[in-house]
């Protein structure tokens, strides 16, 4: 099952007080970005926050679960819409714990075309 667009709309509406928050669809699910950093995943209509030390300090007795098969455990906030203040605090803590995103490398210049050999 994939995440419904309505879930994303509801979550973004609940977290509207958090500037710099955006989503990107990935593999039928979504990544949640804050300040250009991936801070959470939204899979099967559930919010999975990266388990950084700051987020673990904010969320008391977190439920840990993998967002998809084979993934590491994340903090699963099933009631993210019910407590947006907790969700915002946890997402801010994750963003503070993560390093700044690496700048994109400038595009490589194209090599000039090779000269053609003259036909004899």
N, C-alpha and C. Protein backbone atom coordinates (compact mmCIF):
# COMPACT_ATOMS: atom_id res chain seq x y z
N UNK A 1 0.85 -1.17 0.00
CA UNK A 1 0.00 0.00 0.00
C UNK A 1 0.90 1.24 0.00
N UNK A 2 0.55 2.22 -0.76
CA UNK A 2 1.34 3.45 -0.79
C UNK A 2 0.57 4.56 -0.07
N UNK A 3 1.29 5.62 0.20
CA UNK A 3 0.71 6.75 0.91
C UNK A 3 -0.23 7.52 0.01
N UNK A 4 -1.38 7.87 0.55
CA UNK A 4 -2.37 8.64 -0.21
C UNK A 4 -2.00 10.12 -0.24
N UNK A 5 -2.23 10.79 -1.34
CA UNK A 5 -1.95 12.24 -1.41
C UNK A 5 -2.69 13.03 -0.32
N UNK A 6 -3.86 12.58 0.08
CA UNK A 6 -4.62 13.27 1.14
C UNK A 6 -3.85 13.25 2.46
N UNK A 7 -3.13 12.17 2.72
CA UNK A 7 -2.33 12.09 3.93
C UNK A 7 -1.25 13.17 3.93
N UNK A 8 -0.61 13.35 2.78
CA UNK A 8 0.43 14.38 2.66
C UNK A 8 -0.17 15.76 2.86
N UNK A 9 -1.31 16.02 2.25
CA UNK A 9 -1.98 17.32 2.41
C UNK A 9 -2.32 17.58 3.87
N UNK A 10 -2.87 16.57 4.55
CA UNK A 10 -3.25 16.73 5.96
C UNK A 10 -2.02 16.97 6.83
N UNK A 11 -0.95 16.24 6.58
CA UNK A 11 0.27 16.39 7.37
C UNK A 11 0.89 17.77 7.15
N UNK A 12 0.98 18.20 5.90
CA UNK A 12 1.56 19.51 5.61
C UNK A 12 0.70 20.63 6.21
N UNK A 13 -0.61 20.43 6.23
CA UNK A 13 -1.50 21.43 6.84
C UNK A 13 -1.28 21.47 8.35
N UNK A 14 -1.15 20.32 8.98
CA UNK A 14 -0.93 20.26 10.43
C UNK A 14 0.41 20.87 10.82
N UNK A 15 1.40 20.77 9.93
CA UNK A 15 2.74 21.25 10.22
C UNK A 15 3.05 22.58 9.53
N UNK A 16 2.02 23.33 9.18
CA UNK A 16 2.20 24.59 8.43
C UNK A 16 3.01 25.62 9.19
N UNK A 17 3.11 25.50 10.52
CA UNK A 17 3.89 26.45 11.32
C UNK A 17 5.39 26.18 11.27
N UNK A 18 5.80 25.17 10.52
CA UNK A 18 7.21 24.81 10.41
C UNK A 18 7.74 25.28 9.06
N UNK A 19 8.43 26.44 9.02
CA UNK A 19 8.92 26.95 7.73
C UNK A 19 10.02 26.06 7.16
N UNK A 20 10.07 26.00 5.86
CA UNK A 20 11.11 25.22 5.18
C UNK A 20 10.80 23.75 5.05
N UNK A 21 9.56 23.35 5.31
CA UNK A 21 9.17 21.94 5.23
C UNK A 21 8.64 21.65 3.83
N UNK A 22 9.08 20.54 3.25
CA UNK A 22 8.60 20.14 1.92
C UNK A 22 8.62 18.63 1.81
N UNK A 23 7.93 18.13 0.79
CA UNK A 23 7.90 16.69 0.54
C UNK A 23 8.32 16.41 -0.89
N UNK A 24 8.76 15.20 -1.10
CA UNK A 24 9.11 14.74 -2.45
C UNK A 24 8.68 13.28 -2.56
N UNK A 25 7.98 12.99 -3.63
CA UNK A 25 7.53 11.62 -3.86
C UNK A 25 8.71 10.77 -4.29
N UNK A 26 8.85 9.62 -3.64
CA UNK A 26 9.95 8.71 -3.95
C UNK A 26 9.45 7.27 -3.86
N UNK A 27 9.54 6.55 -4.94
CA UNK A 27 9.20 5.12 -4.96
C UNK A 27 7.79 4.85 -4.46
N UNK A 28 6.84 5.72 -4.75
CA UNK A 28 5.46 5.53 -4.34
C UNK A 28 5.19 6.02 -2.93
N UNK A 29 6.21 6.42 -2.21
CA UNK A 29 6.09 6.97 -0.87
C UNK A 29 6.66 8.38 -0.89
N UNK A 30 6.90 8.96 0.28
CA UNK A 30 7.35 10.35 0.33
C UNK A 30 8.51 10.53 1.31
N UNK A 31 9.37 11.48 1.00
CA UNK A 31 10.41 11.92 1.92
C UNK A 31 10.01 13.31 2.39
N UNK A 32 10.26 13.58 3.67
CA UNK A 32 9.94 14.87 4.26
C UNK A 32 11.25 15.61 4.49
N UNK A 33 11.35 16.80 3.94
CA UNK A 33 12.57 17.61 4.01
C UNK A 33 12.34 18.82 4.91
N UNK A 34 13.38 19.14 5.68
CA UNK A 34 13.40 20.37 6.47
C UNK A 34 14.77 20.98 6.30
N UNK A 35 14.82 22.22 5.84
CA UNK A 35 16.08 22.91 5.59
C UNK A 35 16.96 22.14 4.62
N UNK A 36 16.35 21.48 3.64
CA UNK A 36 17.09 20.73 2.64
C UNK A 36 17.59 19.37 3.11
N UNK A 37 17.19 18.94 4.30
CA UNK A 37 17.63 17.67 4.86
C UNK A 37 16.45 16.71 4.96
N UNK A 38 16.68 15.45 4.63
CA UNK A 38 15.63 14.44 4.79
C UNK A 38 15.52 14.14 6.28
N UNK A 39 14.39 14.49 6.88
CA UNK A 39 14.20 14.30 8.31
C UNK A 39 13.23 13.17 8.64
N UNK A 40 12.43 12.76 7.64
CA UNK A 40 11.44 11.72 7.89
C UNK A 40 10.98 11.11 6.58
N UNK A 41 10.35 9.97 6.70
CA UNK A 41 9.71 9.31 5.56
C UNK A 41 8.24 9.14 5.87
N UNK A 42 7.42 9.17 4.85
CA UNK A 42 6.00 8.91 5.01
C UNK A 42 5.71 7.68 4.16
N UNK A 43 5.44 6.58 4.83
CA UNK A 43 5.20 5.30 4.16
C UNK A 43 3.92 4.69 4.69
N UNK A 44 3.11 4.19 3.79
CA UNK A 44 1.83 3.56 4.18
C UNK A 44 1.02 4.47 5.11
N UNK A 45 1.01 5.76 4.80
CA UNK A 45 0.24 6.76 5.54
C UNK A 45 0.72 6.97 6.97
N UNK A 46 1.95 6.59 7.29
CA UNK A 46 2.52 6.80 8.62
C UNK A 46 3.79 7.63 8.52
N UNK A 47 4.05 8.43 9.54
CA UNK A 47 5.25 9.26 9.59
C UNK A 47 6.35 8.53 10.35
N UNK A 48 7.49 8.37 9.71
CA UNK A 48 8.66 7.71 10.30
C UNK A 48 9.79 8.74 10.37
N UNK A 49 10.13 9.15 11.59
CA UNK A 49 11.14 10.18 11.81
C UNK A 49 12.50 9.52 12.05
N UNK A 50 13.55 10.11 11.49
CA UNK A 50 14.90 9.58 11.70
C UNK A 50 15.20 9.58 13.20
N UNK A 51 15.76 8.48 13.70
CA UNK A 51 15.99 8.37 15.14
C UNK A 51 17.32 8.99 15.59
N UNK A 52 17.44 10.28 15.48
CA UNK A 52 18.66 10.96 15.92
C UNK A 52 18.58 11.15 17.44
N UNK A 53 19.70 11.43 18.09
CA UNK A 53 19.65 11.65 19.54
C UNK A 53 18.66 12.74 19.96
N UNK A 54 18.61 13.82 19.20
CA UNK A 54 17.69 14.90 19.53
C UNK A 54 16.23 14.47 19.43
N UNK A 55 15.89 13.74 18.39
CA UNK A 55 14.51 13.28 18.22
C UNK A 55 14.13 12.28 19.31
N UNK A 56 15.07 11.40 19.67
CA UNK A 56 14.80 10.43 20.72
C UNK A 56 14.61 11.11 22.08
N UNK A 57 15.25 12.25 22.27
CA UNK A 57 15.08 13.01 23.52
C UNK A 57 13.72 13.71 23.56
N UNK A 58 13.21 14.07 22.39
CA UNK A 58 11.93 14.79 22.32
C UNK A 58 10.74 13.85 22.46
N UNK A 59 10.82 12.70 21.82
CA UNK A 59 9.70 11.75 21.81
C UNK A 59 9.87 10.76 22.96
N UNK A 60 9.02 10.86 23.96
CA UNK A 60 9.09 9.96 25.11
C UNK A 60 8.55 8.58 24.73
N UNK A 61 9.30 7.54 25.06
CA UNK A 61 8.91 6.14 24.79
C UNK A 61 8.44 5.96 23.35
N UNK A 62 9.33 6.22 22.37
CA UNK A 62 8.90 6.13 20.97
C UNK A 62 8.63 4.70 20.52
N UNK A 63 7.70 4.59 19.61
CA UNK A 63 7.46 3.32 18.93
C UNK A 63 8.44 3.26 17.77
N UNK A 64 9.26 2.22 17.74
CA UNK A 64 10.26 2.08 16.69
C UNK A 64 9.81 1.01 15.70
N UNK A 65 9.94 1.33 14.41
CA UNK A 65 9.55 0.40 13.36
C UNK A 65 10.24 0.80 12.07
N UNK A 66 10.50 -0.16 11.17
CA UNK A 66 11.08 0.20 9.88
C UNK A 66 10.01 0.76 8.95
N UNK A 67 10.34 1.82 8.20
CA UNK A 67 9.35 2.39 7.29
C UNK A 67 9.03 1.49 6.10
N UNK A 68 9.96 0.60 5.75
CA UNK A 68 9.75 -0.35 4.66
C UNK A 68 10.61 -1.56 4.95
N UNK A 69 10.32 -2.70 4.33
CA UNK A 69 11.09 -3.92 4.61
C UNK A 69 12.58 -3.72 4.33
N UNK A 70 13.40 -4.12 5.29
CA UNK A 70 14.84 -4.03 5.14
C UNK A 70 15.43 -2.72 5.64
N UNK A 71 14.60 -1.76 6.02
CA UNK A 71 15.09 -0.46 6.51
C UNK A 71 15.41 -0.54 8.00
N UNK A 72 16.25 0.40 8.45
CA UNK A 72 16.53 0.52 9.87
C UNK A 72 15.29 1.09 10.56
N UNK A 73 15.18 0.83 11.87
CA UNK A 73 14.04 1.35 12.63
C UNK A 73 14.07 2.87 12.68
N UNK A 74 12.90 3.45 12.60
CA UNK A 74 12.68 4.89 12.73
C UNK A 74 11.65 5.10 13.84
N UNK A 75 11.50 6.32 14.26
CA UNK A 75 10.45 6.66 15.22
C UNK A 75 9.14 6.74 14.44
N UNK A 76 8.21 5.88 14.78
CA UNK A 76 6.92 5.85 14.08
C UNK A 76 5.92 6.69 14.88
N UNK A 77 5.53 7.84 14.33
CA UNK A 77 4.56 8.71 14.99
C UNK A 77 3.20 8.50 14.34
N UNK A 78 2.44 7.56 14.88
CA UNK A 78 1.12 7.29 14.32
C UNK A 78 0.16 8.45 14.56
N UNK A 79 0.37 9.19 15.63
CA UNK A 79 -0.52 10.30 15.97
C UNK A 79 0.10 11.65 15.62
N UNK A 80 0.85 11.71 14.51
CA UNK A 80 1.53 12.95 14.13
C UNK A 80 0.53 14.09 13.92
N UNK A 81 -0.64 13.78 13.39
CA UNK A 81 -1.64 14.82 13.14
C UNK A 81 -2.32 15.26 14.43
N UNK A 82 -2.35 14.36 15.44
CA UNK A 82 -3.01 14.68 16.70
C UNK A 82 -2.16 15.58 17.59
N UNK A 83 -0.84 15.53 17.42
CA UNK A 83 0.06 16.34 18.25
C UNK A 83 1.10 17.02 17.37
N UNK A 84 0.69 18.04 16.60
CA UNK A 84 1.63 18.69 15.69
C UNK A 84 2.80 19.36 16.41
N UNK A 85 2.60 19.82 17.65
CA UNK A 85 3.70 20.47 18.38
C UNK A 85 4.83 19.47 18.66
N UNK A 86 4.49 18.27 19.06
CA UNK A 86 5.49 17.22 19.29
C UNK A 86 6.18 16.87 17.98
N UNK A 87 5.41 16.74 16.92
CA UNK A 87 5.97 16.39 15.62
C UNK A 87 6.94 17.47 15.15
N UNK A 88 6.55 18.73 15.28
CA UNK A 88 7.41 19.84 14.87
C UNK A 88 8.70 19.84 15.69
N UNK A 89 8.59 19.64 17.00
CA UNK A 89 9.78 19.61 17.86
C UNK A 89 10.72 18.48 17.46
N UNK A 90 10.16 17.31 17.15
CA UNK A 90 10.98 16.17 16.76
C UNK A 90 11.66 16.42 15.42
N UNK A 91 10.94 16.99 14.46
CA UNK A 91 11.52 17.27 13.14
C UNK A 91 12.61 18.33 13.24
N UNK A 92 12.41 19.34 14.07
CA UNK A 92 13.45 20.36 14.28
C UNK A 92 14.69 19.74 14.91
N UNK A 93 14.50 18.82 15.85
CA UNK A 93 15.62 18.15 16.50
C UNK A 93 16.42 17.32 15.50
N UNK A 94 15.72 16.63 14.60
CA UNK A 94 16.41 15.84 13.58
C UNK A 94 17.23 16.76 12.67
N UNK A 95 16.62 17.84 12.21
CA UNK A 95 17.32 18.77 11.32
C UNK A 95 18.55 19.36 12.00
N UNK A 96 18.46 19.63 13.29
CA UNK A 96 19.61 20.18 14.02
C UNK A 96 20.71 19.13 14.16
N UNK A 97 20.35 17.86 14.28
CA UNK A 97 21.34 16.79 14.44
C UNK A 97 22.05 16.41 13.14
N UNK A 98 21.39 16.62 12.02
CA UNK A 98 21.95 16.18 10.73
C UNK A 98 22.94 17.21 10.18
N UNK A 99 23.96 16.74 9.46
CA UNK A 99 24.90 17.68 8.85
C UNK A 99 24.23 18.45 7.71
N UNK A 100 24.82 19.56 7.35
CA UNK A 100 24.31 20.35 6.23
C UNK A 100 24.42 19.51 4.95
N UNK A 101 23.45 19.66 4.05
CA UNK A 101 23.54 18.91 2.79
C UNK A 101 24.76 19.37 1.98
N UNK A 102 25.36 18.42 1.29
CA UNK A 102 26.52 18.74 0.46
C UNK A 102 26.05 19.55 -0.75
N UNK A 103 26.81 20.57 -1.11
CA UNK A 103 26.41 21.34 -2.30
C UNK A 103 26.56 20.47 -3.55
N UNK A 104 25.70 20.72 -4.50
CA UNK A 104 25.76 19.97 -5.76
C UNK A 104 27.00 20.39 -6.53
N UNK A 105 27.64 19.40 -7.14
CA UNK A 105 28.83 19.68 -7.95
C UNK A 105 28.41 20.42 -9.21
N UNK A 106 29.22 21.36 -9.66
CA UNK A 106 28.87 22.06 -10.90
C UNK A 106 28.95 21.09 -12.07
N UNK A 107 28.15 21.30 -13.09
CA UNK A 107 28.18 20.39 -14.23
C UNK A 107 29.55 20.43 -14.91
N UNK A 108 29.97 19.27 -15.36
CA UNK A 108 31.25 19.18 -16.06
C UNK A 108 31.12 19.81 -17.44
N UNK A 109 32.14 20.56 -17.87
CA UNK A 109 32.06 21.15 -19.22
C UNK A 109 32.14 20.05 -20.27
N UNK A 110 31.44 20.28 -21.34
CA UNK A 110 31.45 19.31 -22.44
C UNK A 110 32.77 19.41 -23.18
N UNK A 111 33.27 18.27 -23.57
CA UNK A 111 34.51 18.24 -24.36
C UNK A 111 34.20 18.74 -25.77
N UNK A 112 35.14 19.45 -26.36
CA UNK A 112 34.89 19.91 -27.74
C UNK A 112 34.80 18.70 -28.67
N UNK A 113 34.04 18.82 -29.74
CA UNK A 113 33.91 17.69 -30.66
C UNK A 113 35.26 17.37 -31.31
N UNK A 114 35.46 16.10 -31.55
CA UNK A 114 36.70 15.66 -32.20
C UNK A 114 36.64 16.04 -33.67
N UNK A 115 37.78 16.46 -34.21
CA UNK A 115 37.79 16.82 -35.65
C UNK A 115 37.56 15.58 -36.50
N UNK A 116 36.85 15.77 -37.59
CA UNK A 116 36.58 14.66 -38.51
C UNK A 116 37.77 14.48 -39.44
N UNK A 117 38.01 13.24 -39.75
CA UNK A 117 39.07 12.92 -40.70
C UNK A 117 38.54 13.15 -42.11
N UNK A 118 39.38 13.73 -42.92
CA UNK A 118 38.99 13.97 -44.33
C UNK A 118 39.00 12.66 -45.10
N UNK A 119 38.00 12.50 -46.00
CA UNK A 119 37.96 11.30 -46.83
C UNK A 119 38.93 11.47 -47.99
N UNK A 120 39.62 10.39 -48.29
CA UNK A 120 40.60 10.45 -49.38
C UNK A 120 40.01 10.13 -50.70
